[in-house]
């Protein structure tokens, strides 16, 4: 996994948002990427979704029972 040395001494905040839907497009210059849960786990195993802080959020969701392990 790739570490983010710029944030090693900082906290990361995350939440689980169930049942959400997009109501309008993103701001100009922002690309939205959507993956199914299966695609997300595949990308994590392949290292495409490999920033350690992001993977840690997934693991916390699994441990809290909010996300099924892939």
Protein backbone atom coordinates (compact mmCIF):
# COMPACT_ATOMS: atom_id res chain seq x y z
CA UNK A 1 0.00 0.00 0.00
CA UNK A 2 1.06 3.56 -0.56
CA UNK A 3 1.41 5.76 2.49
CA UNK A 4 0.61 9.45 2.49
CA UNK A 5 3.56 10.98 4.30
CA UNK A 6 1.91 14.39 4.26
CA UNK A 7 -0.79 13.16 6.60
CA UNK A 8 1.07 10.80 8.92
CA UNK A 9 0.51 13.04 11.95
CA UNK A 10 -3.08 13.95 11.08
CA UNK A 11 -6.43 12.27 11.59
CA UNK A 12 -8.75 11.15 8.84
CA UNK A 13 -12.51 11.41 9.22
CA UNK A 14 -14.89 9.10 7.39
CA UNK A 15 -18.52 8.08 7.57
CA UNK A 16 -20.80 5.46 6.08
CA UNK A 17 -23.65 6.95 4.07
CA UNK A 18 -26.28 4.39 3.11
CA UNK A 19 -29.05 4.98 0.59
CA UNK A 20 -27.51 8.07 -0.99
CA UNK A 21 -28.04 9.22 -4.55
CA UNK A 22 -26.38 11.82 -6.74
CA UNK A 23 -28.53 14.92 -7.20
CA UNK A 24 -26.28 16.88 -9.58
CA UNK A 25 -22.97 16.59 -11.35
CA UNK A 26 -19.59 17.33 -9.75
CA UNK A 27 -17.80 20.64 -9.84
CA UNK A 28 -15.84 21.43 -12.97
CA UNK A 29 -12.48 19.64 -12.98
CA UNK A 30 -13.59 16.80 -10.68
CA UNK A 31 -13.99 13.27 -11.98
CA UNK A 32 -16.42 10.99 -10.16
CA UNK A 33 -15.50 7.30 -10.17
CA UNK A 34 -18.12 4.81 -9.06
CA UNK A 35 -17.38 1.18 -8.21
CA UNK A 36 -19.65 -1.54 -6.97
CA UNK A 37 -18.54 -3.13 -3.69
CA UNK A 38 -17.14 -6.12 -5.61
CA UNK A 39 -15.21 -3.77 -7.93
CA UNK A 40 -13.90 -1.84 -4.92
CA UNK A 41 -12.54 -5.01 -3.28
CA UNK A 42 -11.00 -6.12 -6.59
CA UNK A 43 -9.33 -2.72 -7.01
CA UNK A 44 -8.07 -2.87 -3.42
CA UNK A 45 -6.55 -6.32 -3.92
CA UNK A 46 -4.98 -5.17 -7.22
CA UNK A 47 -3.49 -2.05 -5.63
CA UNK A 48 -5.57 0.36 -7.74
CA UNK A 49 -7.26 1.54 -4.54
CA UNK A 50 -4.11 1.43 -2.49
CA UNK A 51 -3.65 4.56 -0.39
CA UNK A 52 -3.27 3.21 3.13
CA UNK A 53 -5.58 5.82 4.67
CA UNK A 54 -8.39 4.87 2.29
CA UNK A 55 -7.90 1.14 2.80
CA UNK A 56 -7.91 1.74 6.57
CA UNK A 57 -11.35 3.36 6.26
CA UNK A 58 -12.63 0.24 4.47
CA UNK A 59 -11.19 -2.01 7.17
CA UNK A 60 -12.76 0.10 9.94
CA UNK A 61 -16.13 -0.22 8.17
CA UNK A 62 -15.67 -4.01 8.00
CA UNK A 63 -14.73 -4.21 11.70
CA UNK A 64 -17.77 -2.07 12.61
CA UNK A 65 -20.07 -4.38 10.65
CA UNK A 66 -20.98 -1.66 8.12
CA UNK A 67 -19.33 -3.33 5.12
CA UNK A 68 -18.94 -6.99 4.18
CA UNK A 69 -15.34 -8.11 3.73
CA UNK A 70 -14.45 -8.82 0.13
